[in-house]
Amino acid sequence: MSKYPDSIDKITKARLRFSAFGSVVSIALTMFFIGTLAFFAYFSTQYIRNLSKKIEMEILFFADVKEADIVSMEQRIKMEPFIASSRVSSRQENTQEAIKTIGNNYTDIISNPINASIIISVDPKYANSDSLQVISKRIKKEQIVQDVQYPDFLVKSISDNFRTLQIVVLIISAIFMLISMLLIANSIRLHIYAKRFNIKSMLLVGATRSFVRGPFVLKGLNQGVWGGAIAVVLLGLMLYQGNLLFPQFVDFSNILPISLILLGVFVFSILFTIIVSIISVNRYIRIKDERLYL
């Protein structure tokens, strides 16, 4: 004897047999792609921040400035909030670097015009063109400073690409999440739609709304748990493979944000399926009898 009532047609019976499996798969795939976008946004941000840390500014001094004064200035400016790290590059180091660049020892012909310099790395929060210009102007006010050099073109390129990347990822994530949520909601609503006569029958024999709602919410919870768990496993495998292939991009040095994203995907999967189940079953609890056949 079939476990489904005679009022349910054969097509709906077939849909019911695969609805639970289909719902779990669709939830898992949806959460997987949402998690993928979240990780792409996170790792892209971290990668660009790491590139920003490698941007250095070089403070150049006049040839007659004593190295002791340069060391003193380095000790003073390293306390500034925009400085991530700093070091003094001695006259000898700078001279050897210049000789390598030129290809011959110019000191045999002219007196050495090169002095020691200070190499500073700027905190990533200030690694943008506007902030670096302000920092450069501030340092240039020092009387012993001749010039401040940094790769302005690279800074502008990183800053512009970062803004563009954020906007693109945000738009794609919003569109994909909307589409995915609609697909999951329709899958859950289809299952509840097939049970609409059962819902109305239970209400007619005196069952409370919370009693009727309970099994559907529980099923939504189970589907959300399974779908979220599968998505987390798939994301974990993707991250592991990504770290093997692109270790500089998929960086596991800070595991806390990665764990929070995985947890967020799992929790969102559960909460969303529960909410959609409640909304869908409430619709058929309140629906009028004549609309059950529509």
C-alpha atoms as a PDB file:
ATOM      1  CA  MET A   1       0.000   0.000   0.000  1.00  0.00           C
ATOM      2  CA  SER A   2       1.325   3.431  -0.936  1.00  0.00           C
ATOM      3  CA  LYS A   3       2.209   5.738   1.899  1.00  0.00           C
ATOM      4  CA  TYR A   4       0.939   8.701  -0.114  1.00  0.00           C
ATOM      5  CA  PRO A   5      -2.785   9.608  -0.169  1.00  0.00           C
ATOM      6  CA  ASP A   6      -4.779   8.979  -3.347  1.00  0.00           C
ATOM      7  CA  SER A   7      -5.300  12.722  -3.788  1.00  0.00           C
ATOM      8  CA  ILE A   8      -1.666  13.102  -4.754  1.00  0.00           C
ATOM      9  CA  ASP A   9      -1.080  12.363  -8.442  1.00  0.00           C
ATOM     10  CA  LYS A  10       1.711  10.161  -9.798  1.00  0.00           C
ATOM     11  CA  ILE A  11       3.878  13.087 -10.882  1.00  0.00           C
ATOM     12  CA  THR A  12       3.744  14.610  -7.414  1.00  0.00           C
ATOM     13  CA  LYS A  13       4.542  11.223  -5.880  1.00  0.00           C
ATOM     14  CA  ALA A  14       7.673  11.007  -8.000  1.00  0.00           C
ATOM     15  CA  ARG A  15       8.619  14.516  -6.984  1.00  0.00           C
ATOM     16  CA  LEU A  16       8.124  13.679  -3.325  1.00  0.00           C
ATOM     17  CA  ARG A  17      10.434  10.666  -3.549  1.00  0.00           C
ATOM     18  CA  PHE A  18      13.286  12.847  -4.729  1.00  0.00           C
ATOM     19  CA  SER A  19      12.345  16.141  -3.090  1.00  0.00           C
ATOM     20  CA  ALA A  20      14.330  15.563   0.087  1.00  0.00           C
ATOM     21  CA  PHE A  21      17.428  14.428  -1.800  1.00  0.00           C
ATOM     22  CA  GLY A  22      17.051  17.223  -4.347  1.00  0.00           C
ATOM     23  CA  SER A  23      16.604  19.816  -1.615  1.00  0.00           C
ATOM     24  CA  VAL A  24      19.739  18.685   0.221  1.00  0.00           C
ATOM     25  CA  VAL A  25      21.789  18.694  -2.987  1.00  0.00           C
ATOM     26  CA  SER A  26      20.533  22.126  -4.050  1.00  0.00           C
ATOM     27  CA  ILE A  27      21.155  23.535  -0.572  1.00  0.00           C
ATOM     28  CA  ALA A  28      24.660  22.035  -0.496  1.00  0.00           C
ATOM     29  CA  LEU A  29      25.593  23.367  -3.947  1.00  0.00           C
ATOM     30  CA  THR A  30      24.139  26.777  -3.192  1.00  0.00           C
ATOM     31  CA  MET A  31      25.999  27.074   0.097  1.00  0.00           C
ATOM     32  CA  PHE A  32      29.160  25.822  -1.617  1.00  0.00           C
ATOM     33  CA  PHE A  33      29.048  28.554  -4.245  1.00  0.00           C
ATOM     34  CA  ILE A  34      28.164  31.207  -1.680  1.00  0.00           C
ATOM     35  CA  GLY A  35      31.091  30.037   0.452  1.00  0.00           C
ATOM     36  CA  THR A  36      33.352  30.064  -2.611  1.00  0.00           C
ATOM     37  CA  LEU A  37      32.485  33.689  -3.287  1.00  0.00           C
ATOM     38  CA  ALA A  38      33.035  34.570   0.370  1.00  0.00           C
ATOM     39  CA  PHE A  39      36.463  32.913   0.366  1.00  0.00           C
ATOM     40  CA  PHE A  40      37.396  34.534  -2.931  1.00  0.00           C
ATOM     41  CA  ALA A  41      36.546  37.955  -1.492  1.00  0.00           C
ATOM     42  CA  TYR A  42      38.490  37.210   1.711  1.00  0.00           C
ATOM     43  CA  PHE A  43      41.619  35.799   0.081  1.00  0.00           C
ATOM     44  CA  SER A  44      41.633  38.539  -2.568  1.00  0.00           C
ATOM     45  CA  THR A  45      41.523  41.170   0.150  1.00  0.00           C
ATOM     46  CA  GLN A  46      44.320  39.446   2.073  1.00  0.00           C
ATOM     47  CA  TYR A  47      46.442  39.049  -1.059  1.00  0.00           C
ATOM     48  CA  ILE A  48      46.177  42.732  -1.911  1.00  0.00           C
ATOM     49  CA  ARG A  49      46.916  43.659   1.715  1.00  0.00           C
ATOM     50  CA  ASN A  50      50.047  41.499   1.569  1.00  0.00           C
ATOM     51  CA  LEU A  51      51.097  43.259  -1.625  1.00  0.00           C
ATOM     52  CA  SER A  52      50.544  46.576   0.142  1.00  0.00           C
ATOM     53  CA  LYS A  53      52.899  45.496   2.928  1.00  0.00           C
ATOM     54  CA  LYS A  54      55.668  45.076   0.369  1.00  0.00           C
ATOM     55  CA  ILE A  55      55.394  48.684  -0.794  1.00  0.00           C
ATOM     56  CA  GLU A  56      58.372  50.611   0.569  1.00  0.00           C
ATOM     57  CA  MET A  57      59.155  54.307   0.769  1.00  0.00           C
ATOM     58  CA  GLU A  58      62.772  55.449   0.669  1.00  0.00           C
ATOM     59  CA  ILE A  59      63.740  58.668   2.425  1.00  0.00           C
ATOM     60  CA  LEU A  60      66.748  60.255   0.723  1.00  0.00           C
ATOM     61  CA  PHE A  61      69.071  62.731   2.468  1.00  0.00           C
ATOM     62  CA  PHE A  62      71.535  65.395   1.341  1.00  0.00           C
ATOM     63  CA  ALA A  63      75.125  64.211   0.968  1.00  0.00           C
ATOM     64  CA  ASP A  64      76.395  66.319   3.887  1.00  0.00           C
ATOM     65  CA  VAL A  65      73.909  64.925   6.439  1.00  0.00           C
ATOM     66  CA  LYS A  66      75.592  62.825   9.116  1.00  0.00           C
ATOM     67  CA  GLU A  67      74.539  59.218   9.440  1.00  0.00           C
ATOM     68  CA  ALA A  68      73.980  59.698  13.172  1.00  0.00           C
ATOM     69  CA  ASP A  69      71.280  62.280  12.351  1.00  0.00           C
ATOM     70  CA  ILE A  70      69.692  59.833   9.932  1.00  0.00           C
ATOM     71  CA  VAL A  71      69.644  57.097  12.578  1.00  0.00           C
ATOM     72  CA  SER A  72      68.119  59.551  15.047  1.00  0.00           C
ATOM     73  CA  MET A  73      65.373  60.467  12.592  1.00  0.00           C
ATOM     74  CA  GLU A  74      64.662  56.787  11.909  1.00  0.00           C
ATOM     75  CA  GLN A  75      64.200  56.164  15.621  1.00  0.00           C
ATOM     76  CA  ARG A  76      61.815  59.110  15.776  1.00  0.00           C
ATOM     77  CA  ILE A  77      59.589  58.361  12.782  1.00  0.00           C
ATOM     78  CA  LYS A  78      59.306  54.622  13.471  1.00  0.00           C
ATOM     79  CA  MET A  79      56.929  55.524  16.321  1.00  0.00           C
ATOM     80  CA  GLU A  80      54.442  57.057  13.874  1.00  0.00           C
ATOM     81  CA  PRO A  81      51.176  55.074  13.487  1.00  0.00           C
ATOM     82  CA  PHE A  82      51.529  54.839   9.705  1.00  0.00           C
ATOM     83  CA  ILE A  83      54.901  53.045   9.930  1.00  0.00           C
ATOM     84  CA  ALA A  84      54.813  49.232   9.898  1.00  0.00           C
ATOM     85  CA  SER A  85      58.613  48.836   9.923  1.00  0.00           C
ATOM     86  CA  SER A  86      61.729  50.871   9.157  1.00  0.00           C
ATOM     87  CA  ARG A  87      65.455  50.437   8.760  1.00  0.00           C
ATOM     88  CA  VAL A  88      68.490  52.503   7.879  1.00  0.00           C
ATOM     89  CA  SER A  89      70.285  51.616   4.661  1.00  0.00           C
ATOM     90  CA  SER A  90      73.899  52.750   5.091  1.00  0.00           C
ATOM     91  CA  ARG A  91      75.907  54.792   2.583  1.00  0.00           C
ATOM     92  CA  GLN A  92      77.965  51.709   1.735  1.00  0.00           C
ATOM     93  CA  GLU A  93      74.851  49.636   0.973  1.00  0.00           C
ATOM     94  CA  ASN A  94      73.337  52.356  -1.197  1.00  0.00           C
ATOM     95  CA  THR A  95      76.617  52.914  -3.020  1.00  0.00           C
ATOM     96  CA  GLN A  96      76.999  49.219  -3.835  1.00  0.00           C
ATOM     97  CA  GLU A  97      73.413  49.118  -5.078  1.00  0.00           C
ATOM     98  CA  ALA A  98      74.051  52.142  -7.313  1.00  0.00           C
ATOM     99  CA  ILE A  99      77.224  50.554  -8.711  1.00  0.00           C
ATOM    100  CA  LYS A 100      75.290  47.386  -9.587  1.00  0.00           C
ATOM    101  CA  THR A 101      72.599  49.453 -11.308  1.00  0.00           C
ATOM    102  CA  ILE A 102      75.042  51.631 -13.279  1.00  0.00           C
ATOM    103  CA  GLY A 103      77.444  48.837 -14.109  1.00  0.00           C
ATOM    104  CA  ASN A 104      80.680  50.546 -13.120  1.00  0.00           C
ATOM    105  CA  ASN A 105      82.297  52.196 -10.110  1.00  0.00           C
ATOM    106  CA  TYR A 106      81.435  55.855 -10.553  1.00  0.00           C
ATOM    107  CA  THR A 107      83.283  56.766  -7.351  1.00  0.00           C
ATOM    108  CA  ASP A 108      86.542  56.428  -9.285  1.00  0.00           C
ATOM    109  CA  ILE A 109      85.511  59.421 -11.404  1.00  0.00           C
ATOM    110  CA  ILE A 110      83.421  61.655  -9.115  1.00  0.00           C
ATOM    111  CA  SER A 111      82.925  62.081  -5.400  1.00  0.00           C
ATOM    112  CA  ASN A 112      80.196  59.904  -3.964  1.00  0.00           C
ATOM    113  CA  PRO A 113      76.930  61.936  -3.783  1.00  0.00           C
ATOM    114  CA  ILE A 114      74.984  59.107  -2.185  1.00  0.00           C
ATOM    115  CA  ASN A 115      74.168  59.162   1.503  1.00  0.00           C
ATOM    116  CA  ALA A 116      72.472  56.724   3.832  1.00  0.00           C
ATOM    117  CA  SER A 117      68.693  56.465   3.529  1.00  0.00           C
ATOM    118  CA  ILE A 118      65.721  55.210   5.510  1.00  0.00           C
ATOM    119  CA  ILE A 119      63.549  52.426   4.106  1.00  0.00           C
ATOM    120  CA  ILE A 120      60.048  52.343   5.589  1.00  0.00           C
ATOM    121  CA  SER A 121      57.130  49.975   5.100  1.00  0.00           C
ATOM    122  CA  VAL A 122      53.750  51.637   5.529  1.00  0.00           C
ATOM    123  CA  ASP A 123      50.896  50.086   7.472  1.00  0.00           C
ATOM    124  CA  PRO A 124      48.394  48.555   4.957  1.00  0.00           C
ATOM    125  CA  LYS A 125      45.689  50.963   6.179  1.00  0.00           C
ATOM    126  CA  TYR A 126      47.752  53.819   4.743  1.00  0.00           C
ATOM    127  CA  ALA A 127      48.948  51.994   1.608  1.00  0.00           C
ATOM    128  CA  ASN A 128      46.941  54.089  -0.818  1.00  0.00           C
ATOM    129  CA  SER A 129      47.943  56.938  -3.085  1.00  0.00           C
ATOM    130  CA  ASP A 130      46.311  59.748  -1.062  1.00  0.00           C
ATOM    131  CA  SER A 131      47.761  58.635   2.292  1.00  0.00           C
ATOM    132  CA  LEU A 132      51.233  58.095   0.859  1.00  0.00           C
ATOM    133  CA  GLN A 133      51.219  61.585  -0.637  1.00  0.00           C
ATOM    134  CA  VAL A 134      50.334  63.048   2.762  1.00  0.00           C
ATOM    135  CA  ILE A 135      53.056  60.976   4.462  1.00  0.00           C
ATOM    136  CA  SER A 136      55.587  61.985   1.799  1.00  0.00           C
ATOM    137  CA  LYS A 137      54.827  65.702   2.204  1.00  0.00           C
ATOM    138  CA  ARG A 138      55.056  65.407   5.974  1.00  0.00           C
ATOM    139  CA  ILE A 139      58.489  63.736   5.834  1.00  0.00           C
ATOM    140  CA  LYS A 140      59.791  66.205   3.248  1.00  0.00           C
ATOM    141  CA  LYS A 141      59.266  69.024   5.734  1.00  0.00           C
ATOM    142  CA  GLU A 142      62.351  67.773   7.581  1.00  0.00           C
ATOM    143  CA  GLN A 143      65.263  70.028   6.608  1.00  0.00           C
ATOM    144  CA  ILE A 144      67.722  67.163   6.199  1.00  0.00           C
ATOM    145  CA  VAL A 145      65.435  65.261   3.796  1.00  0.00           C
ATOM    146  CA  GLN A 146      66.179  65.640   0.110  1.00  0.00           C
ATOM    147  CA  ASP A 147      63.364  63.527  -1.327  1.00  0.00           C
ATOM    148  CA  VAL A 148      60.944  60.674  -0.643  1.00  0.00           C
ATOM    149  CA  GLN A 149      60.544  58.002  -3.296  1.00  0.00           C
ATOM    150  CA  TYR A 150      57.970  55.221  -3.616  1.00  0.00           C
ATOM    151  CA  PRO A 151      56.302  53.306  -6.511  1.00  0.00           C
ATOM    152  CA  ASP A 152      53.305  55.590  -6.944  1.00  0.00           C
ATOM    153  CA  PHE A 153      52.120  53.806 -10.108  1.00  0.00           C
ATOM    154  CA  LEU A 154      52.072  50.428  -8.322  1.00  0.00           C
ATOM    155  CA  VAL A 155      50.199  51.916  -5.366  1.00  0.00           C
ATOM    156  CA  LYS A 156      47.524  53.418  -7.612  1.00  0.00           C
ATOM    157  CA  SER A 157      47.189  50.151  -9.522  1.00  0.00           C
ATOM    158  CA  ILE A 158      46.729  48.087  -6.349  1.00  0.00           C
ATOM    159  CA  SER A 159      44.286  50.588  -4.851  1.00  0.00           C
ATOM    160  CA  ASP A 160      42.159  50.809  -8.014  1.00  0.00           C
ATOM    161  CA  ASN A 161      42.127  47.041  -8.523  1.00  0.00           C
ATOM    162  CA  PHE A 162      41.153  46.511  -4.894  1.00  0.00           C
ATOM    163  CA  ARG A 163      38.145  48.829  -5.170  1.00  0.00           C
ATOM    164  CA  THR A 164      37.082  47.255  -8.460  1.00  0.00           C
ATOM    165  CA  LEU A 165      37.438  43.760  -7.038  1.00  0.00           C
ATOM    166  CA  GLN A 166      35.344  44.626  -3.993  1.00  0.00           C
ATOM    167  CA  ILE A 167      32.535  46.069  -6.129  1.00  0.00           C
ATOM    168  CA  VAL A 168      32.513  43.157  -8.594  1.00  0.00           C
ATOM    169  CA  VAL A 169      32.547  40.489  -5.872  1.00  0.00           C
ATOM    170  CA  LEU A 170      29.814  42.306  -3.933  1.00  0.00           C
ATOM    171  CA  ILE A 171      27.538  42.525  -6.986  1.00  0.00           C
ATOM    172  CA  ILE A 172      28.135  38.910  -8.049  1.00  0.00           C
ATOM    173  CA  SER A 173      27.608  37.662  -4.491  1.00  0.00           C
ATOM    174  CA  ALA A 174      24.354  39.597  -4.098  1.00  0.00           C
ATOM    175  CA  ILE A 175      22.946  38.341  -7.427  1.00  0.00           C
ATOM    176  CA  PHE A 176      24.002  34.758  -6.847  1.00  0.00           C
ATOM    177  CA  MET A 177      22.708  34.679  -3.284  1.00  0.00           C
ATOM    178  CA  LEU A 178      19.329  36.015  -4.427  1.00  0.00           C
ATOM    179  CA  ILE A 179      19.027  33.419  -7.201  1.00  0.00           C
ATOM    180  CA  SER A 180      20.205  30.621  -4.931  1.00  0.00           C
ATOM    181  CA  MET A 181      17.838  31.552  -2.125  1.00  0.00           C
ATOM    182  CA  LEU A 182      14.920  31.588  -4.559  1.00  0.00           C
ATOM    183  CA  LEU A 183      15.864  28.140  -5.878  1.00  0.00           C
ATOM    184  CA  ILE A 184      16.107  26.664  -2.381  1.00  0.00           C
ATOM    185  CA  ALA A 185      12.864  28.352  -1.323  1.00  0.00           C
ATOM    186  CA  ASN A 186      11.040  26.953  -4.358  1.00  0.00           C
ATOM    187  CA  SER A 187      12.352  23.453  -3.651  1.00  0.00           C
ATOM    188  CA  ILE A 188      11.128  23.584  -0.043  1.00  0.00           C
ATOM    189  CA  ARG A 189       7.805  25.123  -1.055  1.00  0.00           C
ATOM    190  CA  LEU A 190       7.270  22.345  -3.611  1.00  0.00           C
ATOM    191  CA  HIS A 191       7.596  19.718  -0.887  1.00  0.00           C
ATOM    192  CA  ILE A 192       5.178  21.561   1.393  1.00  0.00           C
ATOM    193  CA  TYR A 193       2.778  22.190  -1.506  1.00  0.00           C
ATOM    194  CA  ALA A 194       2.542  18.441  -2.072  1.00  0.00           C
ATOM    195  CA  LYS A 195       1.463  18.037   1.573  1.00  0.00           C
ATOM    196  CA  ARG A 196      -1.076  20.859   1.563  1.00  0.00           C
ATOM    197  CA  PHE A 197      -4.052  18.482   1.871  1.00  0.00           C
ATOM    198  CA  ASN A 198      -2.405  16.742   4.828  1.00  0.00           C
ATOM    199  CA  ILE A 199      -1.938  20.119   6.487  1.00  0.00           C
ATOM    200  CA  LYS A 200      -5.583  21.069   6.013  1.00  0.00           C
ATOM    201  CA  SER A 201      -6.775  17.628   7.211  1.00  0.00           C
ATOM    202  CA  MET A 202      -4.733  17.916  10.403  1.00  0.00           C
ATOM    203  CA  LEU A 203      -6.199  21.350  11.088  1.00  0.00           C
ATOM    204  CA  LEU A 204      -9.754  20.049  10.511  1.00  0.00           C
ATOM    205  CA  VAL A 205      -9.331  17.323  13.131  1.00  0.00           C
ATOM    206  CA  GLY A 206      -8.171  19.837  15.737  1.00  0.00           C
ATOM    207  CA  ALA A 207      -4.381  19.930  15.442  1.00  0.00           C
ATOM    208  CA  THR A 208      -2.804  23.202  16.555  1.00  0.00           C
ATOM    209  CA  ARG A 209      -0.810  25.303  14.119  1.00  0.00           C
ATOM    210  CA  SER A 210       2.425  24.702  16.031  1.00  0.00           C
ATOM    211  CA  PHE A 211       1.813  20.932  15.915  1.00  0.00           C
ATOM    212  CA  VAL A 212       1.240  21.063  12.142  1.00  0.00           C
ATOM    213  CA  ARG A 213       4.230  23.319  11.633  1.00  0.00           C
ATOM    214  CA  GLY A 214       6.626  21.164  13.693  1.00  0.00           C
ATOM    215  CA  PRO A 215       7.391  18.297  11.239  1.00  0.00           C
ATOM    216  CA  PHE A 216       8.036  20.687   8.352  1.00  0.00           C
ATOM    217  CA  VAL A 217      10.344  22.874  10.411  1.00  0.00           C
ATOM    218  CA  LEU A 218      12.170  19.768  11.637  1.00  0.00           C
ATOM    219  CA  LYS A 219      12.578  18.533   8.072  1.00  0.00           C
ATOM    220  CA  GLY A 220      13.841  21.957   7.011  1.00  0.00           C
ATOM    221  CA  LEU A 221      16.314  21.818   9.907  1.00  0.00           C
ATOM    222  CA  ASN A 222      17.553  18.371   8.831  1.00  0.00           C
ATOM    223  CA  GLN A 223      17.934  19.465   5.219  1.00  0.00           C
ATOM    224  CA  GLY A 224      19.774  22.594   6.292  1.00  0.00           C
ATOM    225  CA  VAL A 225      22.138  20.587   8.508  1.00  0.00           C
ATOM    226  CA  TRP A 226      22.918  18.036   5.810  1.00  0.00           C
ATOM    227  CA  GLY A 227      23.196  20.640   3.056  1.00  0.00           C
ATOM    228  CA  GLY A 228      25.412  22.872   5.188  1.00  0.00           C
ATOM    229  CA  ALA A 229      27.597  19.962   6.285  1.00  0.00           C
ATOM    230  CA  ILE A 230      28.137  18.787   2.704  1.00  0.00           C
ATOM    231  CA  ALA A 231      28.926  22.352   1.614  1.00  0.00           C
ATOM    232  CA  VAL A 232      31.481  22.747   4.421  1.00  0.00           C
ATOM    233  CA  VAL A 233      33.177  19.474   3.420  1.00  0.00           C
ATOM    234  CA  LEU A 234      33.314  20.555  -0.229  1.00  0.00           C
ATOM    235  CA  LEU A 235      34.685  23.959   0.751  1.00  0.00           C
ATOM    236  CA  GLY A 236      37.299  22.309   2.965  1.00  0.00           C
ATOM    237  CA  LEU A 237      38.454  20.118   0.060  1.00  0.00           C
ATOM    238  CA  MET A 238      38.537  23.147  -2.240  1.00  0.00           C
ATOM    239  CA  LEU A 239      40.621  25.130   0.262  1.00  0.00           C
ATOM    240  CA  TYR A 240      43.037  22.243   0.768  1.00  0.00           C
ATOM    241  CA  GLN A 241      43.559  21.840  -2.970  1.00  0.00           C
ATOM    242  CA  GLY A 242      43.782  25.598  -3.446  1.00  0.00           C
ATOM    243  CA  ASN A 243      46.475  25.845  -0.780  1.00  0.00           C
ATOM    244  CA  LEU A 244      48.507  23.160  -2.552  1.00  0.00           C
ATOM    245  CA  LEU A 245      48.217  24.850  -5.958  1.00  0.00           C
ATOM    246  CA  PHE A 246      48.221  28.544  -4.966  1.00  0.00           C
ATOM    247  CA  PRO A 247      49.748  28.823  -1.466  1.00  0.00           C
ATOM    248  CA  GLN A 248      50.392  32.569  -1.836  1.00  0.00           C
ATOM    249  CA  PHE A 249      46.696  33.217  -2.530  1.00  0.00           C
ATOM    250  CA  VAL A 250      44.954  30.569  -0.391  1.00  0.00           C
ATOM    251  CA  ASP A 251      46.858  31.392   2.774  1.00  0.00           C
ATOM    252  CA  PHE A 252      46.167  29.447   5.976  1.00  0.00           C
ATOM    253  CA  SER A 253      48.330  31.672   8.183  1.00  0.00           C
ATOM    254  CA  ASN A 254      45.215  33.129   9.834  1.00  0.00           C
ATOM    255  CA  ILE A 255      42.817  30.252  10.406  1.00  0.00           C
ATOM    256  CA  LEU A 256      40.209  32.149  12.470  1.00  0.00           C
ATOM    257  CA  PRO A 257      38.504  34.040   9.572  1.00  0.00           C
ATOM    258  CA  ILE A 258      38.473  30.840   7.512  1.00  0.00           C
ATOM    259  CA  SER A 259      36.792  28.969  10.361  1.00  0.00           C
ATOM    260  CA  LEU A 260      34.260  31.763  10.827  1.00  0.00           C
ATOM    261  CA  ILE A 261      33.326  31.714   7.125  1.00  0.00           C
ATOM    262  CA  LEU A 262      32.817  27.936   7.223  1.00  0.00           C
ATOM    263  CA  LEU A 263      30.730  28.265  10.388  1.00  0.00           C
ATOM    264  CA  GLY A 264      28.759  31.111   8.810  1.00  0.00           C
ATOM    265  CA  VAL A 265      27.939  28.983   5.749  1.00  0.00           C
ATOM    266  CA  PHE A 266      26.748  26.119   7.968  1.00  0.00           C
ATOM    267  CA  VAL A 267      24.628  28.334  10.238  1.00  0.00           C
ATOM    268  CA  PHE A 268      23.155  30.274   7.297  1.00  0.00           C
ATOM    269  CA  SER A 269      22.144  26.991   5.640  1.00  0.00           C
ATOM    270  CA  ILE A 270      20.213  25.930   8.764  1.00  0.00           C
ATOM    271  CA  LEU A 271      18.589  29.281   9.495  1.00  0.00           C
ATOM    272  CA  PHE A 272      17.521  29.856   5.903  1.00  0.00           C
ATOM    273  CA  THR A 273      15.855  26.457   5.468  1.00  0.00           C
ATOM    274  CA  ILE A 274      14.051  26.835   8.815  1.00  0.00           C
ATOM    275  CA  ILE A 275      12.777  30.321   7.950  1.00  0.00           C
ATOM    276  CA  VAL A 276      11.603  29.263   4.469  1.00  0.00           C
ATOM    277  CA  SER A 277       9.886  26.186   5.929  1.00  0.00           C
ATOM    278  CA  ILE A 278       8.029  28.288   8.492  1.00  0.00           C
ATOM    279  CA  ILE A 279       6.922  30.860   5.916  1.00  0.00           C
ATOM    280  CA  SER A 280       5.813  28.188   3.423  1.00  0.00           C
ATOM    281  CA  VAL A 281       3.845  26.054   5.876  1.00  0.00           C
ATOM    282  CA  ASN A 282       2.184  29.131   7.382  1.00  0.00           C
ATOM    283  CA  ARG A 283       0.907  29.983   3.922  1.00  0.00           C
ATOM    284  CA  TYR A 284      -0.955  26.669   3.651  1.00  0.00           C
ATOM    285  CA  ILE A 285      -2.149  26.837   7.248  1.00  0.00           C
ATOM    286  CA  ARG A 286      -3.935  30.123   6.480  1.00  0.00           C
ATOM    287  CA  ILE A 287      -4.973  29.315   2.922  1.00  0.00           C
ATOM    288  CA  LYS A 288      -8.682  29.068   2.077  1.00  0.00           C
ATOM    289  CA  ASP A 289     -10.079  25.675   1.072  1.00  0.00           C
ATOM    290  CA  GLU A 290     -10.992  26.726  -2.465  1.00  0.00           C
ATOM    291  CA  ARG A 291      -7.389  27.758  -3.155  1.00  0.00           C
ATOM    292  CA  LEU A 292      -5.939  24.332  -2.253  1.00  0.00           C
ATOM    293  CA  TYR A 293      -6.512  23.122  -5.809  1.00  0.00           C
ATOM    294  CA  LEU A 294      -4.751  26.086  -7.469  1.00  0.00           C
END
